Amino acid sequence: MFYRLIRPAIFALDAEKAHRLAINALKMMPEGEAPAADGPLSTKVAGLTFPNPLGMAAGFDKDGEVPDALLRLGFGHAEVGSITPRPQQGNPKPRLFRLAEDQAVINRMGFNNRGGEEAAARLAERRWRGGIVGINIGANKDSEDRIADYAAMTDLMAPLADYLTVNISSPNTPGLRALQDEGALSALLDAVLAARGEEHVPVFLKVAPDLEPADVDAIARIAMDKGLAALIISNTTIARPPLKSAHAGEAGGLSGAPLRDMALQRLRDFRQATGGAIPLVGVGGISTAQDAWQRIRAGASLVQLYSAMIYRGPGIARDICAGLESLMERDCIGSIAEAVGTE
């Protein structure tokens, strides 16, 4: 209710300034309890016990400044990043656009972040707190060897992460999505898995929704062959379904409600391609408990959101989790794991 009252004032600000305001507000959030790991929504994925299946997707907390505050909002995990080895400014501003009429966002941020060393120092300080924090890693835009960037980030972040996400799916770093091609992907994952050393941190792979059936099959096969812990389906899309907003023509990745159907279908595609042999994380267009439940029933062991919090406010995690409990009771399902893939 309170967020609905203040949202017009927030939306009067430039979108990127409003995002910075949100990060600063979370930094001032009082200490509190994160969700308990033994509640009714608890679920185990990749050897980790998640208090609930709902996470904050990468992109919100790019530099790992507020993962613990996000957990206290009710998220079962927080994924920080994408973080690159060296700091980079990202693309020229403006580069973040609200499409309020569509409950959507377009961004062309370009992996703006303050670099791996700064983030690693910050994340090392909070490691004792517990709670599941994933670290999403990327490559610098001007890197001569992007695979080496991912390996270096793995070496740096593996001791600090509950899981690592290899992000090759952003449309805003030229050429990055080419790493989804079969040969490049195999070489990349070999380098990342080797760079873990003695830290056997689970490795997730985040892919784009803009994939052909042959791409889905190849990625699924490689992920299973390499023993990845999970696939995150999916990132923003470069496609443009019918949109109402004046910003509809902006370049960049589209997220939010218009991505829902595409992301759901891509999740179903990967569920079929993997036969349930590898956990899937459903992302894209999730804004309600029903959305999250549909994604779980379609094969997602975990779900994530980001854009929906812009429109529904910081209470969204607790609202969705309460709704998931009600849906489990309605459908006489005893656990999240029991519901996965039952559609």
Protein backbone atom coordinates (compact mmCIF):
# COMPACT_ATOMS: atom_id res chain seq x y z
CA MET A 1 0.00 0.00 0.00
CA PHE A 2 2.74 2.48 1.00
CA TYR A 3 4.72 1.76 -2.16
CA ARG A 4 1.68 2.50 -4.33
CA LEU A 5 1.46 5.92 -2.68
CA ILE A 6 5.09 6.85 -3.27
CA ARG A 7 5.52 5.20 -6.67
CA PRO A 8 4.47 8.30 -8.68
CA ALA A 9 7.25 10.29 -7.01
CA ILE A 10 9.77 7.54 -7.72
CA PHE A 11 8.63 7.26 -11.33
CA ALA A 12 9.08 11.03 -11.73
CA LEU A 13 12.82 10.39 -11.36
CA ASP A 14 15.08 9.15 -14.11
CA ALA A 15 14.99 5.34 -13.98
CA GLU A 16 18.69 4.91 -13.25
CA LYS A 17 18.62 7.55 -10.50
CA ALA A 18 15.61 5.82 -8.96
CA HIS A 19 17.52 2.55 -9.01
CA ARG A 20 20.44 4.15 -7.17
CA LEU A 21 17.96 5.54 -4.64
CA ALA A 22 16.59 2.02 -4.07
CA ILE A 23 20.07 0.61 -3.44
CA ASN A 24 20.83 3.40 -0.95
CA ALA A 25 17.51 2.85 0.82
CA LEU A 26 18.26 -0.87 1.20
CA LYS A 27 21.66 0.01 2.67
CA MET A 28 19.82 1.84 5.45
CA MET A 29 17.37 -1.01 6.03
CA PRO A 30 17.37 -2.12 9.69
CA GLU A 31 18.80 -5.51 10.59
CA GLY A 32 16.26 -8.29 10.55
CA GLU A 33 15.70 -11.95 9.90
CA ALA A 34 16.08 -13.57 6.50
CA PRO A 35 13.61 -16.36 5.66
CA ALA A 36 14.10 -19.54 7.68
CA ALA A 37 15.68 -22.44 5.81
CA ASP A 38 13.24 -25.00 7.22
CA GLY A 39 9.90 -23.42 6.27
CA PRO A 40 7.19 -24.93 4.08
CA LEU A 41 8.72 -23.48 0.89
CA SER A 42 12.21 -24.78 1.58
CA THR A 43 13.76 -26.62 -1.35
CA LYS A 44 17.14 -28.14 -2.19
CA VAL A 45 18.88 -27.36 -5.47
CA ALA A 46 22.53 -27.94 -6.42
CA GLY A 47 23.26 -29.17 -2.91
CA LEU A 48 22.02 -25.89 -1.40
CA THR A 49 18.96 -25.51 0.82
CA PHE A 50 16.93 -22.49 -0.33
CA PRO A 51 14.43 -21.08 2.22
CA ASN A 52 12.02 -20.51 -0.66
CA PRO A 53 12.30 -20.79 -4.45
CA LEU A 54 12.09 -17.04 -5.19
CA GLY A 55 15.29 -15.10 -5.83
CA MET A 56 16.31 -11.63 -6.87
CA ALA A 57 17.76 -11.86 -10.37
CA ALA A 58 21.11 -10.41 -11.37
CA GLY A 59 21.07 -6.82 -12.57
CA PHE A 60 19.53 -5.19 -9.51
CA ASP A 61 22.56 -5.39 -7.20
CA LYS A 62 25.37 -5.17 -9.74
CA ASP A 63 28.18 -4.58 -7.24
CA GLY A 64 27.07 -6.82 -4.39
CA GLU A 65 26.11 -3.92 -2.13
CA VAL A 66 22.83 -5.16 -0.62
CA PRO A 67 22.41 -8.96 -0.87
CA ASP A 68 21.58 -9.31 2.82
CA ALA A 69 18.93 -6.58 2.66
CA LEU A 70 17.34 -8.42 -0.26
CA LEU A 71 17.25 -11.62 1.75
CA ARG A 72 15.57 -9.73 4.60
CA LEU A 73 12.87 -8.60 2.15
CA GLY A 74 11.91 -12.27 1.89
CA PHE A 75 13.85 -13.50 -1.12
CA GLY A 76 15.19 -17.03 -0.75
CA HIS A 77 18.39 -16.07 -2.55
CA ALA A 78 20.00 -13.03 -4.12
CA GLU A 79 22.12 -13.09 -7.27
CA VAL A 80 24.53 -10.16 -7.52
CA GLY A 81 26.26 -8.87 -10.65
CA SER A 82 27.03 -9.12 -13.45
CA ILE A 83 30.58 -8.38 -12.30
CA THR A 84 33.52 -8.10 -14.69
CA PRO A 85 37.26 -8.32 -13.95
CA ARG A 86 37.89 -4.62 -14.53
CA PRO A 87 35.55 -1.71 -13.74
CA GLN A 88 33.59 -0.40 -16.69
CA GLN A 89 31.20 2.46 -17.24
CA GLY A 90 28.79 0.58 -19.46
CA ASN A 91 26.91 2.16 -22.33
CA PRO A 92 26.09 5.88 -22.65
CA LYS A 93 23.10 7.24 -20.71
CA PRO A 94 20.14 7.17 -20.88
CA ARG A 95 20.20 3.37 -20.93
CA LEU A 96 17.36 2.27 -18.62
CA PHE A 97 13.73 2.85 -19.55
CA ARG A 98 10.45 2.09 -17.77
CA LEU A 99 7.60 1.00 -20.02
CA ALA A 100 4.88 1.56 -17.43
CA GLU A 101 1.98 0.89 -19.78
CA ASP A 102 3.49 -2.53 -20.47
CA GLN A 103 4.78 -3.29 -16.95
CA ALA A 104 8.16 -3.69 -18.63
CA VAL A 105 11.72 -2.37 -18.74
CA ILE A 106 14.23 -1.93 -21.54
CA ASN A 107 17.88 -1.69 -20.58
CA ARG A 108 21.13 -1.38 -22.46
CA MET A 109 23.32 -0.95 -19.39
CA GLY A 110 26.31 -2.85 -20.77
CA PHE A 111 27.66 -4.59 -17.66
CA ASN A 112 28.35 -1.33 -15.80
CA ASN A 113 30.05 -2.21 -12.51
CA ARG A 114 32.98 -1.25 -10.31
CA GLY A 115 34.99 -4.38 -11.04
CA GLY A 116 35.82 -7.70 -9.48
CA GLU A 117 38.31 -6.65 -6.82
CA GLU A 118 35.98 -4.13 -5.15
CA ALA A 119 33.03 -6.49 -5.22
CA ALA A 120 35.11 -9.38 -3.88
CA ALA A 121 36.28 -7.32 -0.90
CA ARG A 122 32.68 -6.37 -0.08
CA LEU A 123 31.35 -9.90 -0.49
CA ALA A 124 34.12 -11.33 1.67
CA GLU A 125 33.00 -9.09 4.53
CA ARG A 126 29.43 -10.44 4.45
CA ARG A 127 30.33 -14.13 3.94
CA TRP A 128 29.83 -14.98 7.63
CA ARG A 129 26.18 -13.87 7.53
CA GLY A 130 24.92 -16.90 5.68
CA GLY A 131 21.97 -16.85 3.31
CA ILE A 132 22.32 -17.93 -0.30
CA VAL A 133 24.10 -15.37 -2.47
CA GLY A 134 24.97 -16.21 -6.06
CA ILE A 135 27.55 -14.23 -8.02
CA ASN A 136 26.89 -13.56 -11.70
CA ILE A 137 30.11 -13.12 -13.69
CA GLY A 138 30.73 -11.51 -17.07
CA ALA A 139 33.50 -10.36 -19.39
CA ASN A 140 34.73 -6.85 -20.08
CA LYS A 141 33.45 -5.30 -23.30
CA ASP A 142 36.98 -4.53 -24.57
CA SER A 143 38.54 -7.82 -23.47
CA GLU A 144 40.81 -9.53 -25.99
CA ASP A 145 40.08 -12.93 -24.37
CA ARG A 146 36.61 -13.19 -22.89
CA ILE A 147 37.03 -16.81 -21.85
CA ALA A 148 40.06 -15.74 -19.80
CA ASP A 149 37.89 -13.07 -18.15
CA TYR A 150 35.36 -15.68 -17.05
CA ALA A 151 38.13 -17.94 -15.74
CA ALA A 152 39.68 -15.06 -13.78
CA MET A 153 36.32 -14.14 -12.28
CA THR A 154 35.71 -17.76 -11.32
CA ASP A 155 39.04 -17.93 -9.55
CA LEU A 156 38.30 -14.67 -7.70
CA MET A 157 34.67 -15.30 -6.76
CA ALA A 158 34.47 -19.07 -6.17
CA PRO A 159 35.47 -18.81 -2.48
CA LEU A 160 32.82 -16.10 -1.90
CA ALA A 161 29.80 -17.52 -3.75
CA ASP A 162 27.15 -20.06 -2.86
CA TYR A 163 26.88 -20.53 -6.61
CA LEU A 164 28.42 -18.86 -9.67
CA THR A 165 26.42 -17.88 -12.74
CA VAL A 166 28.19 -17.68 -16.09
CA ASN A 167 26.27 -14.97 -17.94
CA ILE A 168 26.64 -15.23 -21.71
CA SER A 169 23.16 -13.97 -22.47
CA SER A 170 23.22 -10.18 -22.18
CA PRO A 171 22.34 -8.49 -25.49
CA ASN A 172 24.18 -5.32 -24.46
CA THR A 173 27.80 -6.48 -24.80
CA PRO A 174 28.55 -6.90 -28.52
CA GLY A 175 29.41 -10.49 -29.41
CA LEU A 176 28.75 -11.91 -25.96
CA ARG A 177 25.85 -14.12 -27.04
CA ALA A 178 28.18 -15.79 -29.56
CA LEU A 179 29.55 -17.70 -26.56
CA GLN A 180 26.28 -19.67 -26.62
CA ASP A 181 27.50 -21.33 -29.83
CA GLU A 182 28.40 -24.96 -29.26
CA GLY A 183 32.18 -24.87 -29.68
CA ALA A 184 32.68 -21.60 -27.81
CA LEU A 185 30.39 -22.68 -24.97
CA SER A 186 32.23 -25.95 -24.46
CA ALA A 187 35.60 -24.16 -24.29
CA LEU A 188 34.21 -21.51 -21.94
CA LEU A 189 32.75 -24.01 -19.50
CA ASP A 190 35.94 -26.08 -19.49
CA ALA A 191 37.87 -22.96 -18.50
CA VAL A 192 35.39 -21.98 -15.79
CA LEU A 193 35.20 -25.45 -14.28
CA ALA A 194 38.99 -25.74 -14.25
CA ALA A 195 39.32 -22.31 -12.61
CA ARG A 196 37.21 -23.40 -9.62
CA GLY A 197 40.22 -25.31 -8.28
CA GLU A 198 39.42 -26.86 -4.91
CA GLU A 199 36.30 -24.69 -4.57
CA HIS A 200 33.59 -26.98 -5.92
CA VAL A 201 31.06 -24.16 -6.01
CA PRO A 202 28.00 -24.99 -8.14
CA VAL A 203 28.14 -23.40 -11.59
CA PHE A 204 24.94 -22.15 -13.24
CA LEU A 205 24.67 -20.98 -16.87
CA LYS A 206 22.36 -18.12 -17.85
CA VAL A 207 21.05 -18.22 -21.42
CA ALA A 208 19.03 -15.93 -23.66
CA PRO A 209 15.38 -16.50 -24.59
CA ASP A 210 16.17 -15.75 -28.24
CA LEU A 211 17.29 -19.27 -29.14
CA GLU A 212 16.44 -21.65 -31.97
CA PRO A 213 15.47 -25.27 -31.17
CA ALA A 214 18.90 -26.51 -32.28
CA ASP A 215 20.54 -24.03 -29.87
CA VAL A 216 18.40 -25.30 -27.00
CA ASP A 217 19.34 -28.89 -27.72
CA ALA A 218 23.07 -28.11 -28.00
CA ILE A 219 23.17 -26.02 -24.82
CA ALA A 220 21.21 -28.65 -22.89
CA ARG A 221 23.54 -31.40 -24.05
CA ILE A 222 26.69 -29.45 -23.16
CA ALA A 223 25.31 -28.43 -19.76
CA MET A 224 24.61 -32.04 -18.87
CA ASP A 225 27.93 -33.28 -20.26
CA LYS A 226 29.87 -30.71 -18.24
CA GLY A 227 27.92 -31.42 -15.05
CA LEU A 228 26.56 -27.91 -14.58
CA ALA A 229 24.47 -27.40 -11.46
CA ALA A 230 21.61 -25.49 -13.14
CA LEU A 231 20.48 -23.50 -16.17
CA ILE A 232 18.89 -20.07 -15.75
CA ILE A 233 16.15 -19.57 -18.34
CA SER A 234 16.31 -16.73 -19.35
CA ASN A 235 17.73 -13.22 -19.74
CA THR A 236 16.14 -10.22 -21.48
CA THR A 237 14.99 -10.46 -25.09
CA ILE A 238 15.91 -8.46 -28.17
CA ALA A 239 12.50 -9.35 -29.65
CA ARG A 240 9.71 -6.80 -29.52
CA PRO A 241 6.20 -8.11 -28.98
CA PRO A 242 3.45 -5.47 -29.34
CA LEU A 243 4.11 -2.70 -26.80
CA LYS A 244 2.20 0.44 -25.83
CA SER A 245 4.90 2.61 -24.29
CA ALA A 246 6.61 5.53 -25.99
CA HIS A 247 9.94 3.85 -25.15
CA ALA A 248 9.06 0.69 -27.08
CA GLY A 249 11.57 1.50 -29.82
CA GLU A 250 14.58 1.84 -27.53
CA ALA A 251 17.46 -0.54 -28.17
CA GLY A 252 18.40 -3.07 -25.52
CA GLY A 253 16.99 -6.04 -23.67
CA LEU A 254 13.28 -6.15 -22.85
CA SER A 255 12.17 -7.57 -19.48
CA GLY A 256 8.97 -7.64 -17.48
CA ALA A 257 5.45 -8.75 -18.35
CA PRO A 258 5.85 -8.91 -22.16
CA LEU A 259 8.64 -11.48 -21.73
CA ARG A 260 6.42 -13.86 -19.72
CA ASP A 261 5.16 -16.13 -22.50
CA MET A 262 8.50 -16.35 -24.31
CA ALA A 263 10.41 -17.15 -21.12
CA LEU A 264 7.84 -19.77 -20.11
CA GLN A 265 8.05 -21.45 -23.50
CA ARG A 266 11.85 -21.45 -23.42
CA LEU A 267 11.72 -23.05 -19.96
CA ARG A 268 9.44 -25.77 -21.34
CA ASP A 269 11.86 -26.27 -24.24
CA PHE A 270 14.79 -26.78 -21.88
CA ARG A 271 12.75 -29.05 -19.63
CA GLN A 272 12.03 -31.25 -22.63
CA ALA A 273 15.61 -31.10 -23.90
CA THR A 274 17.09 -32.04 -20.51
CA GLY A 275 14.40 -34.50 -19.45
CA GLY A 276 14.58 -33.04 -15.97
CA ALA A 277 18.22 -34.14 -15.59
CA ILE A 278 19.43 -30.67 -14.60
CA PRO A 279 17.67 -28.08 -12.42
CA LEU A 280 16.22 -25.06 -14.20
CA VAL A 281 15.73 -21.53 -12.86
CA GLY A 282 12.78 -19.69 -14.40
CA VAL A 283 13.18 -15.95 -15.01
CA GLY A 284 11.30 -13.42 -17.11
CA GLY A 285 7.90 -11.82 -16.61
CA ILE A 286 7.24 -13.26 -13.15
CA SER A 287 5.23 -10.83 -11.02
CA THR A 288 2.70 -12.93 -9.06
CA ALA A 289 2.54 -16.16 -7.12
CA GLN A 290 0.55 -17.65 -9.99
CA ASP A 291 3.33 -16.75 -12.42
CA ALA A 292 5.91 -18.37 -10.15
CA TRP A 293 3.75 -21.46 -9.61
CA GLN A 294 3.21 -21.86 -13.36
CA ARG A 295 6.97 -21.67 -13.93
CA ILE A 296 7.59 -24.28 -11.21
CA ARG A 297 4.93 -26.59 -12.61
CA ALA A 298 6.58 -26.17 -16.04
CA GLY A 299 9.91 -27.40 -14.69
CA ALA A 300 11.65 -24.65 -12.71
CA SER A 301 13.20 -25.66 -9.41
CA LEU A 302 13.79 -21.98 -8.60
CA VAL A 303 12.42 -18.70 -9.97
CA GLN A 304 13.77 -15.15 -10.04
CA LEU A 305 12.43 -11.67 -10.71
CA TYR A 306 13.64 -8.09 -10.93
CA SER A 307 11.46 -5.88 -13.15
CA ALA A 308 8.27 -6.72 -11.24
CA MET A 309 9.69 -5.18 -8.06
CA ILE A 310 9.91 -1.84 -9.90
CA TYR A 311 6.13 -1.89 -10.33
CA ARG A 312 5.01 -3.74 -7.21
CA GLY A 313 7.54 -2.60 -4.65
CA PRO A 314 9.75 -4.25 -2.03
CA GLY A 315 6.92 -6.30 -0.52
CA ILE A 316 6.69 -8.48 -3.61
CA ALA A 317 8.84 -11.33 -2.27
CA ARG A 318 6.74 -11.90 0.83
CA ASP A 319 3.53 -11.54 -1.19
CA ILE A 320 4.61 -14.15 -3.72
CA CYS A 321 5.85 -16.56 -1.07
CA ALA A 322 2.56 -16.30 0.84
CA GLY A 323 0.74 -16.95 -2.42
CA LEU A 324 2.89 -19.98 -3.19
CA GLU A 325 2.02 -21.50 0.19
CA SER A 326 -1.68 -21.06 -0.61
CA LEU A 327 -1.27 -22.61 -4.06
CA MET A 328 0.56 -25.62 -2.61
CA GLU A 329 -2.31 -26.16 -0.18
CA ARG A 330 -4.89 -25.73 -2.95
CA ASP A 331 -3.19 -28.32 -5.15
CA CYS A 332 -2.42 -30.68 -2.25
CA ILE A 333 1.31 -30.56 -2.97
CA GLY A 334 3.62 -31.02 0.00
CA SER A 335 6.82 -29.37 -1.26
CA ILE A 336 8.23 -27.21 -4.01
CA ALA A 337 10.35 -30.14 -5.27
CA GLU A 338 7.19 -32.24 -5.59
CA ALA A 339 5.60 -29.58 -7.81
CA VAL A 340 8.48 -29.20 -10.29
CA GLY A 341 7.50 -30.28 -13.81
CA THR A 342 3.97 -31.44 -12.94
CA GLU A 343 2.02 -29.28 -15.40
